[in-house]
Amino acid sequence: MIGPVLVLVAIVIAIPVSVLMSGAVASAILGFFLRDDAEDRYQGSELIDLNR
């Protein structure tokens, strides 16, 4: 009886949470590097000053 309950918990809770958390980490890393790249490319632009 405990086996099916553990499988159900893994399918309903553990897998979706781990997918969402890994997506959040990937988004944070990608955003960090893309922001630095944009600041380097458009250095001296007036639009960079408006974003801060």
N, C-alpha and C. Protein backbone atom coordinates (compact mmCIF):
# COMPACT_ATOMS: atom_id res chain seq x y z
N MET A 1 0.82 -1.20 0.00
CA MET A 1 0.00 0.00 0.00
C MET A 1 0.86 1.27 0.00
N ILE A 2 2.03 1.21 0.60
CA ILE A 2 2.88 2.40 0.67
C ILE A 2 3.55 2.69 -0.67
N GLY A 3 3.79 1.66 -1.47
CA GLY A 3 4.45 1.84 -2.77
C GLY A 3 3.66 2.74 -3.71
N PRO A 4 2.39 2.44 -3.95
CA PRO A 4 1.60 3.31 -4.85
C PRO A 4 1.47 4.74 -4.34
N VAL A 5 1.42 4.91 -3.04
CA VAL A 5 1.33 6.26 -2.46
C VAL A 5 2.61 7.03 -2.74
N LEU A 6 3.76 6.38 -2.59
CA LEU A 6 5.04 7.05 -2.86
C LEU A 6 5.17 7.40 -4.34
N VAL A 7 4.73 6.52 -5.21
CA VAL A 7 4.78 6.81 -6.65
C VAL A 7 3.86 7.97 -6.97
N LEU A 8 2.69 8.01 -6.40
CA LEU A 8 1.75 9.10 -6.62
C LEU A 8 2.31 10.43 -6.12
N VAL A 9 2.94 10.43 -4.96
CA VAL A 9 3.55 11.64 -4.42
C VAL A 9 4.68 12.11 -5.34
N ALA A 10 5.48 11.18 -5.84
CA ALA A 10 6.57 11.55 -6.73
C ALA A 10 6.04 12.15 -8.03
N ILE A 11 4.99 11.57 -8.58
CA ILE A 11 4.44 12.06 -9.84
C ILE A 11 3.76 13.41 -9.67
N VAL A 12 3.03 13.58 -8.59
CA VAL A 12 2.22 14.79 -8.41
C VAL A 12 3.02 15.94 -7.80
N ILE A 13 3.96 15.66 -6.91
CA ILE A 13 4.64 16.73 -6.18
C ILE A 13 6.11 16.85 -6.56
N ALA A 14 6.88 15.79 -6.45
CA ALA A 14 8.33 15.88 -6.56
C ALA A 14 8.79 16.25 -7.97
N ILE A 15 8.25 15.61 -8.98
CA ILE A 15 8.72 15.86 -10.34
C ILE A 15 8.36 17.28 -10.81
N PRO A 16 7.11 17.74 -10.66
CA PRO A 16 6.82 19.12 -11.09
C PRO A 16 7.62 20.18 -10.33
N VAL A 17 7.81 19.99 -9.05
CA VAL A 17 8.57 20.97 -8.27
C VAL A 17 10.02 21.00 -8.73
N SER A 18 10.61 19.85 -8.98
CA SER A 18 12.01 19.83 -9.42
C SER A 18 12.15 20.44 -10.81
N VAL A 19 11.18 20.24 -11.70
CA VAL A 19 11.23 20.84 -13.02
C VAL A 19 11.11 22.35 -12.93
N LEU A 20 10.20 22.85 -12.11
CA LEU A 20 10.04 24.29 -11.95
C LEU A 20 11.26 24.94 -11.31
N MET A 21 11.86 24.30 -10.32
CA MET A 21 13.03 24.86 -9.66
C MET A 21 14.24 24.87 -10.59
N SER A 22 14.41 23.83 -11.38
CA SER A 22 15.55 23.82 -12.30
C SER A 22 15.35 24.87 -13.39
N GLY A 23 14.11 25.10 -13.80
CA GLY A 23 13.83 26.16 -14.77
C GLY A 23 14.11 27.54 -14.20
N ALA A 24 13.79 27.73 -12.93
CA ALA A 24 14.06 29.02 -12.28
C ALA A 24 15.56 29.28 -12.18
N VAL A 25 16.32 28.26 -11.85
CA VAL A 25 17.78 28.41 -11.75
C VAL A 25 18.36 28.72 -13.13
N ALA A 26 17.91 28.01 -14.15
CA ALA A 26 18.41 28.24 -15.51
C ALA A 26 18.06 29.65 -15.97
N SER A 27 16.87 30.13 -15.65
CA SER A 27 16.47 31.49 -16.03
C SER A 27 17.31 32.55 -15.34
N ALA A 28 17.62 32.32 -14.08
CA ALA A 28 18.44 33.28 -13.34
C ALA A 28 19.85 33.36 -13.92
N ILE A 29 20.43 32.22 -14.24
CA ILE A 29 21.78 32.19 -14.81
C ILE A 29 21.79 32.85 -16.19
N LEU A 30 20.82 32.50 -17.02
CA LEU A 30 20.74 33.07 -18.36
C LEU A 30 20.51 34.58 -18.30
N GLY A 31 19.64 35.03 -17.43
CA GLY A 31 19.39 36.46 -17.28
C GLY A 31 20.61 37.22 -16.81
N PHE A 32 21.37 36.64 -15.91
CA PHE A 32 22.58 37.29 -15.41
C PHE A 32 23.58 37.52 -16.54
N PHE A 33 23.84 36.48 -17.32
CA PHE A 33 24.83 36.59 -18.39
C PHE A 33 24.33 37.47 -19.54
N LEU A 34 23.05 37.41 -19.85
CA LEU A 34 22.54 38.24 -20.93
C LEU A 34 22.51 39.72 -20.55
N ARG A 35 22.27 40.02 -19.29
CA ARG A 35 22.30 41.41 -18.85
C ARG A 35 23.71 41.98 -18.96
N ASP A 36 24.69 41.20 -18.54
CA ASP A 36 26.08 41.65 -18.67
C ASP A 36 26.47 41.85 -20.13
N ASP A 37 26.02 40.95 -21.00
CA ASP A 37 26.31 41.07 -22.42
C ASP A 37 25.67 42.33 -23.01
N ALA A 38 24.44 42.61 -22.62
CA ALA A 38 23.75 43.80 -23.13
C ALA A 38 24.42 45.08 -22.63
N GLU A 39 24.85 45.09 -21.39
CA GLU A 39 25.54 46.27 -20.87
C GLU A 39 26.86 46.50 -21.59
N ASP A 40 27.56 45.43 -21.93
CA ASP A 40 28.82 45.57 -22.67
C ASP A 40 28.58 46.06 -24.09
N ARG A 41 27.56 45.55 -24.73
CA ARG A 41 27.29 45.93 -26.13
C ARG A 41 26.82 47.37 -26.26
N TYR A 42 26.01 47.81 -25.33
CA TYR A 42 25.40 49.13 -25.45
C TYR A 42 25.94 50.09 -24.39
N GLN A 43 27.22 49.98 -24.12
CA GLN A 43 27.85 50.85 -23.14
C GLN A 43 27.79 52.30 -23.64
N GLY A 44 27.38 53.19 -22.78
CA GLY A 44 27.26 54.60 -23.14
C GLY A 44 25.91 54.97 -23.69
N SER A 45 25.02 54.02 -23.85
CA SER A 45 23.69 54.31 -24.36
C SER A 45 22.84 54.91 -23.26
N GLU A 46 21.97 55.80 -23.63
CA GLU A 46 21.10 56.41 -22.63
C GLU A 46 20.05 55.46 -22.11
N LEU A 47 19.74 54.39 -22.83
CA LEU A 47 18.74 53.45 -22.39
C LEU A 47 19.22 52.62 -21.20
N ILE A 48 20.51 52.36 -21.10
CA ILE A 48 21.04 51.61 -19.95
C ILE A 48 20.80 52.41 -18.68
N ASP A 49 20.97 53.72 -18.72
CA ASP A 49 20.76 54.55 -17.53
C ASP A 49 19.30 54.58 -17.12
N LEU A 50 18.39 54.44 -18.05
CA LEU A 50 16.96 54.45 -17.73
C LEU A 50 16.52 53.18 -17.03
N ASN A 51 17.24 52.09 -17.21
CA ASN A 51 16.85 50.82 -16.63
C ASN A 51 17.27 50.68 -15.17
N ARG A 52 18.07 51.54 -14.67
CA ARG A 52 18.56 51.39 -13.30
C ARG A 52 17.76 52.19 -12.33
